[in-house]
N, C-alpha and C. Protein backbone atom coordinates (compact mmCIF):
# COMPACT_ATOMS: atom_id res chain seq x y z
N MET A 1 3.15 -83.23 -1.22
CA MET A 1 2.60 -82.07 -0.57
C MET A 1 3.65 -80.95 -0.57
N PRO A 2 3.24 -79.70 -0.91
CA PRO A 2 4.22 -78.62 -0.98
C PRO A 2 4.78 -78.27 0.39
N ASP A 3 6.00 -77.78 0.36
CA ASP A 3 6.66 -77.34 1.58
C ASP A 3 6.02 -76.03 2.05
N ARG A 4 5.53 -75.99 3.29
CA ARG A 4 4.80 -74.83 3.81
C ARG A 4 5.64 -73.98 4.78
N ARG A 5 6.94 -74.17 4.77
CA ARG A 5 7.77 -73.35 5.64
C ARG A 5 7.75 -71.90 5.17
N PRO A 6 7.84 -70.95 6.09
CA PRO A 6 7.87 -69.53 5.69
C PRO A 6 9.09 -69.25 4.82
N LEU A 7 8.90 -68.34 3.87
CA LEU A 7 10.01 -67.95 3.01
C LEU A 7 10.92 -66.98 3.74
N SER A 8 12.19 -67.02 3.40
CA SER A 8 13.11 -66.02 3.94
C SER A 8 12.77 -64.66 3.31
N GLN A 9 13.22 -63.60 3.90
CA GLN A 9 12.95 -62.25 3.39
C GLN A 9 13.43 -62.11 1.93
N PRO A 10 14.66 -62.53 1.59
CA PRO A 10 15.09 -62.41 0.19
C PRO A 10 14.25 -63.27 -0.77
N ASP A 11 13.87 -64.47 -0.32
CA ASP A 11 13.04 -65.33 -1.18
C ASP A 11 11.65 -64.74 -1.38
N ALA A 12 11.08 -64.19 -0.32
CA ALA A 12 9.76 -63.57 -0.43
C ALA A 12 9.84 -62.36 -1.35
N HIS A 13 10.90 -61.58 -1.24
CA HIS A 13 11.09 -60.41 -2.08
C HIS A 13 11.24 -60.83 -3.55
N ALA A 14 12.04 -61.84 -3.79
CA ALA A 14 12.24 -62.32 -5.17
C ALA A 14 10.94 -62.86 -5.75
N ARG A 15 10.16 -63.57 -4.95
CA ARG A 15 8.89 -64.10 -5.43
C ARG A 15 7.92 -62.97 -5.75
N ALA A 16 7.88 -61.95 -4.91
CA ALA A 16 6.99 -60.81 -5.14
C ALA A 16 7.39 -60.06 -6.41
N LEU A 17 8.69 -59.86 -6.62
CA LEU A 17 9.15 -59.19 -7.83
C LEU A 17 8.82 -60.00 -9.08
N ALA A 18 8.97 -61.31 -9.01
CA ALA A 18 8.64 -62.16 -10.15
C ALA A 18 7.15 -62.09 -10.45
N TRP A 19 6.33 -62.08 -9.42
CA TRP A 19 4.87 -61.99 -9.61
C TRP A 19 4.51 -60.65 -10.26
N LEU A 20 5.09 -59.55 -9.76
CA LEU A 20 4.83 -58.23 -10.34
C LEU A 20 5.30 -58.15 -11.79
N ASP A 21 6.45 -58.72 -12.08
CA ASP A 21 6.96 -58.73 -13.46
C ASP A 21 6.03 -59.50 -14.38
N HIS A 22 5.52 -60.62 -13.91
CA HIS A 22 4.59 -61.42 -14.69
C HIS A 22 3.30 -60.65 -14.95
N ARG A 23 2.76 -59.99 -13.92
CA ARG A 23 1.54 -59.19 -14.06
C ARG A 23 1.76 -58.04 -15.04
N HIS A 24 2.94 -57.41 -14.98
CA HIS A 24 3.27 -56.31 -15.89
C HIS A 24 3.29 -56.81 -17.33
N HIS A 25 3.91 -57.96 -17.54
CA HIS A 25 3.98 -58.56 -18.88
C HIS A 25 2.58 -58.85 -19.41
N LEU A 26 1.74 -59.47 -18.59
CA LEU A 26 0.38 -59.78 -19.02
C LEU A 26 -0.41 -58.52 -19.37
N ALA A 27 -0.28 -57.49 -18.53
CA ALA A 27 -1.00 -56.23 -18.78
C ALA A 27 -0.51 -55.57 -20.06
N ARG A 28 0.80 -55.57 -20.27
CA ARG A 28 1.37 -54.97 -21.48
C ARG A 28 0.88 -55.69 -22.72
N GLU A 29 0.88 -57.00 -22.69
CA GLU A 29 0.41 -57.78 -23.83
C GLU A 29 -1.08 -57.54 -24.10
N LEU A 30 -1.86 -57.43 -23.04
CA LEU A 30 -3.29 -57.17 -23.20
C LEU A 30 -3.52 -55.80 -23.82
N VAL A 31 -2.83 -54.78 -23.34
CA VAL A 31 -2.99 -53.43 -23.89
C VAL A 31 -2.57 -53.40 -25.35
N ALA A 32 -1.46 -54.02 -25.69
CA ALA A 32 -1.00 -54.03 -27.08
C ALA A 32 -2.03 -54.72 -27.98
N ALA A 33 -2.58 -55.83 -27.53
CA ALA A 33 -3.59 -56.54 -28.33
C ALA A 33 -4.86 -55.71 -28.48
N LEU A 34 -5.27 -55.06 -27.41
CA LEU A 34 -6.47 -54.23 -27.48
C LEU A 34 -6.27 -53.03 -28.39
N LEU A 35 -5.13 -52.37 -28.30
CA LEU A 35 -4.87 -51.22 -29.16
C LEU A 35 -4.85 -51.61 -30.64
N ALA A 36 -4.46 -52.84 -30.92
CA ALA A 36 -4.42 -53.31 -32.30
C ALA A 36 -5.79 -53.71 -32.82
N THR A 37 -6.75 -53.97 -31.94
CA THR A 37 -8.04 -54.50 -32.39
C THR A 37 -9.25 -53.64 -32.07
N VAL A 38 -9.17 -52.83 -31.03
CA VAL A 38 -10.32 -52.02 -30.61
C VAL A 38 -10.47 -50.83 -31.55
N PRO A 39 -11.69 -50.50 -31.96
CA PRO A 39 -11.91 -49.35 -32.83
C PRO A 39 -11.44 -48.04 -32.17
N ALA A 40 -10.98 -47.10 -32.99
CA ALA A 40 -10.44 -45.83 -32.50
C ALA A 40 -11.40 -45.09 -31.57
N PRO A 41 -12.71 -45.04 -31.84
CA PRO A 41 -13.59 -44.34 -30.90
C PRO A 41 -13.59 -44.96 -29.50
N ALA A 42 -13.47 -46.27 -29.42
CA ALA A 42 -13.42 -46.93 -28.12
C ALA A 42 -12.10 -46.61 -27.40
N VAL A 43 -11.00 -46.55 -28.16
CA VAL A 43 -9.71 -46.16 -27.57
C VAL A 43 -9.80 -44.74 -27.04
N ALA A 44 -10.40 -43.83 -27.82
CA ALA A 44 -10.55 -42.45 -27.39
C ALA A 44 -11.39 -42.37 -26.12
N CYS A 45 -12.43 -43.15 -26.05
CA CYS A 45 -13.29 -43.18 -24.86
C CYS A 45 -12.49 -43.65 -23.64
N ALA A 46 -11.69 -44.68 -23.82
CA ALA A 46 -10.87 -45.19 -22.71
C ALA A 46 -9.83 -44.16 -22.29
N LEU A 47 -9.22 -43.46 -23.25
CA LEU A 47 -8.22 -42.45 -22.92
C LEU A 47 -8.84 -41.29 -22.14
N GLU A 48 -10.10 -41.01 -22.38
CA GLU A 48 -10.79 -39.95 -21.64
C GLU A 48 -10.88 -40.27 -20.16
N GLN A 49 -10.78 -41.52 -19.80
CA GLN A 49 -10.87 -41.93 -18.40
C GLN A 49 -9.56 -41.75 -17.64
N LEU A 50 -8.46 -41.50 -18.37
CA LEU A 50 -7.16 -41.33 -17.74
C LEU A 50 -6.99 -39.90 -17.25
N THR A 51 -6.17 -39.74 -16.23
CA THR A 51 -5.85 -38.41 -15.74
C THR A 51 -4.90 -37.73 -16.72
N THR A 52 -4.75 -36.42 -16.58
CA THR A 52 -3.82 -35.68 -17.43
C THR A 52 -2.40 -36.22 -17.27
N GLY A 53 -2.01 -36.50 -16.04
CA GLY A 53 -0.68 -37.05 -15.80
C GLY A 53 -0.48 -38.40 -16.46
N GLN A 54 -1.48 -39.26 -16.42
CA GLN A 54 -1.39 -40.57 -17.07
C GLN A 54 -1.29 -40.41 -18.58
N LEU A 55 -2.07 -39.48 -19.13
CA LEU A 55 -2.00 -39.23 -20.58
C LEU A 55 -0.63 -38.69 -20.98
N HIS A 56 -0.07 -37.77 -20.18
CA HIS A 56 1.26 -37.25 -20.48
C HIS A 56 2.30 -38.37 -20.45
N LEU A 57 2.24 -39.20 -19.43
CA LEU A 57 3.18 -40.31 -19.33
C LEU A 57 3.05 -41.25 -20.51
N LEU A 58 1.83 -41.59 -20.88
CA LEU A 58 1.60 -42.46 -22.03
C LEU A 58 2.15 -41.83 -23.30
N ALA A 59 1.89 -40.54 -23.50
CA ALA A 59 2.40 -39.85 -24.68
C ALA A 59 3.92 -39.88 -24.73
N LEU A 60 4.56 -39.61 -23.61
CA LEU A 60 6.02 -39.63 -23.57
C LEU A 60 6.57 -41.02 -23.84
N GLN A 61 5.96 -42.04 -23.25
CA GLN A 61 6.43 -43.41 -23.46
C GLN A 61 6.27 -43.84 -24.92
N LEU A 62 5.13 -43.53 -25.52
CA LEU A 62 4.90 -43.88 -26.93
C LEU A 62 5.87 -43.14 -27.84
N ALA A 63 6.08 -41.86 -27.58
CA ALA A 63 7.00 -41.07 -28.39
C ALA A 63 8.41 -41.61 -28.27
N HIS A 64 8.83 -41.91 -27.06
CA HIS A 64 10.17 -42.45 -26.85
C HIS A 64 10.36 -43.77 -27.61
N ALA A 65 9.36 -44.64 -27.52
CA ALA A 65 9.44 -45.94 -28.20
C ALA A 65 9.51 -45.77 -29.71
N ALA A 66 8.91 -44.69 -30.22
CA ALA A 66 8.92 -44.44 -31.67
C ALA A 66 10.08 -43.55 -32.10
N GLY A 67 10.93 -43.15 -31.16
CA GLY A 67 12.05 -42.29 -31.50
C GLY A 67 11.63 -40.86 -31.79
N LEU A 68 10.56 -40.43 -31.17
CA LEU A 68 10.07 -39.07 -31.37
C LEU A 68 10.26 -38.25 -30.11
N GLU A 69 10.27 -36.95 -30.30
CA GLU A 69 10.36 -36.03 -29.18
C GLU A 69 9.03 -35.32 -29.04
N VAL A 70 8.55 -35.20 -27.82
CA VAL A 70 7.25 -34.57 -27.57
C VAL A 70 7.48 -33.35 -26.68
N ASP A 71 6.88 -32.24 -27.07
CA ASP A 71 6.84 -31.06 -26.22
C ASP A 71 5.42 -30.96 -25.68
N LEU A 72 5.22 -31.38 -24.44
CA LEU A 72 3.88 -31.42 -23.86
C LEU A 72 3.27 -30.03 -23.71
N HIS A 73 4.11 -29.03 -23.52
CA HIS A 73 3.59 -27.67 -23.34
C HIS A 73 3.11 -27.09 -24.67
N ALA A 74 3.85 -27.35 -25.74
CA ALA A 74 3.47 -26.83 -27.05
C ALA A 74 2.56 -27.79 -27.80
N GLY A 75 2.52 -29.05 -27.36
CA GLY A 75 1.71 -30.04 -28.04
C GLY A 75 2.28 -30.46 -29.38
N THR A 76 3.61 -30.44 -29.50
CA THR A 76 4.25 -30.78 -30.76
C THR A 76 4.97 -32.12 -30.66
N ILE A 77 5.10 -32.75 -31.81
CA ILE A 77 5.78 -34.05 -31.92
C ILE A 77 6.76 -33.94 -33.07
N GLY A 78 7.96 -34.45 -32.89
CA GLY A 78 8.94 -34.45 -33.97
C GLY A 78 10.00 -35.48 -33.72
N PRO A 79 10.93 -35.63 -34.66
CA PRO A 79 12.02 -36.59 -34.47
C PRO A 79 12.88 -36.17 -33.29
N THR A 80 13.50 -37.14 -32.65
CA THR A 80 14.36 -36.87 -31.50
C THR A 80 15.52 -36.00 -31.93
N THR A 81 15.86 -34.99 -31.12
CA THR A 81 16.99 -34.12 -31.43
C THR A 81 18.29 -34.81 -31.06
N THR A 82 19.35 -34.36 -31.66
CA THR A 82 20.67 -34.91 -31.36
C THR A 82 21.20 -34.24 -30.11
N THR A 83 22.40 -34.63 -29.69
CA THR A 83 23.01 -34.05 -28.48
C THR A 83 23.33 -32.58 -28.68
N THR A 84 23.41 -32.09 -29.93
CA THR A 84 23.68 -30.69 -30.19
C THR A 84 22.42 -29.84 -30.06
N GLY A 85 21.27 -30.50 -29.91
CA GLY A 85 20.03 -29.77 -29.81
C GLY A 85 19.37 -29.55 -31.15
N ARG A 86 20.01 -30.02 -32.22
CA ARG A 86 19.45 -29.86 -33.56
C ARG A 86 18.76 -31.14 -33.98
N ARG A 87 17.72 -30.99 -34.74
CA ARG A 87 17.01 -32.17 -35.26
C ARG A 87 17.87 -32.83 -36.34
N PRO A 88 17.91 -34.16 -36.36
CA PRO A 88 18.68 -34.84 -37.41
C PRO A 88 18.08 -34.58 -38.78
N ARG A 89 18.94 -34.56 -39.80
CA ARG A 89 18.47 -34.32 -41.18
C ARG A 89 18.24 -35.61 -41.90
């Protein structure tokens, strides 16, 4: 029979963080699998349900993962600039 004693604050915190990390991993894997298999019109329909802020965040995260720079105000995408502010050649 499992031990039913209350968890200490640090143990409860660690357990909650582990649970959240696991849920994040499952959600990430599900989204990646769906993006790879769902037809583009269905993806577009799902993206329409997101707020502007969520779309901006998604765009920035995708661009960063791909090594691209996004200007949300101009709507442009390009390679990440160097520390000098110039685009790499």
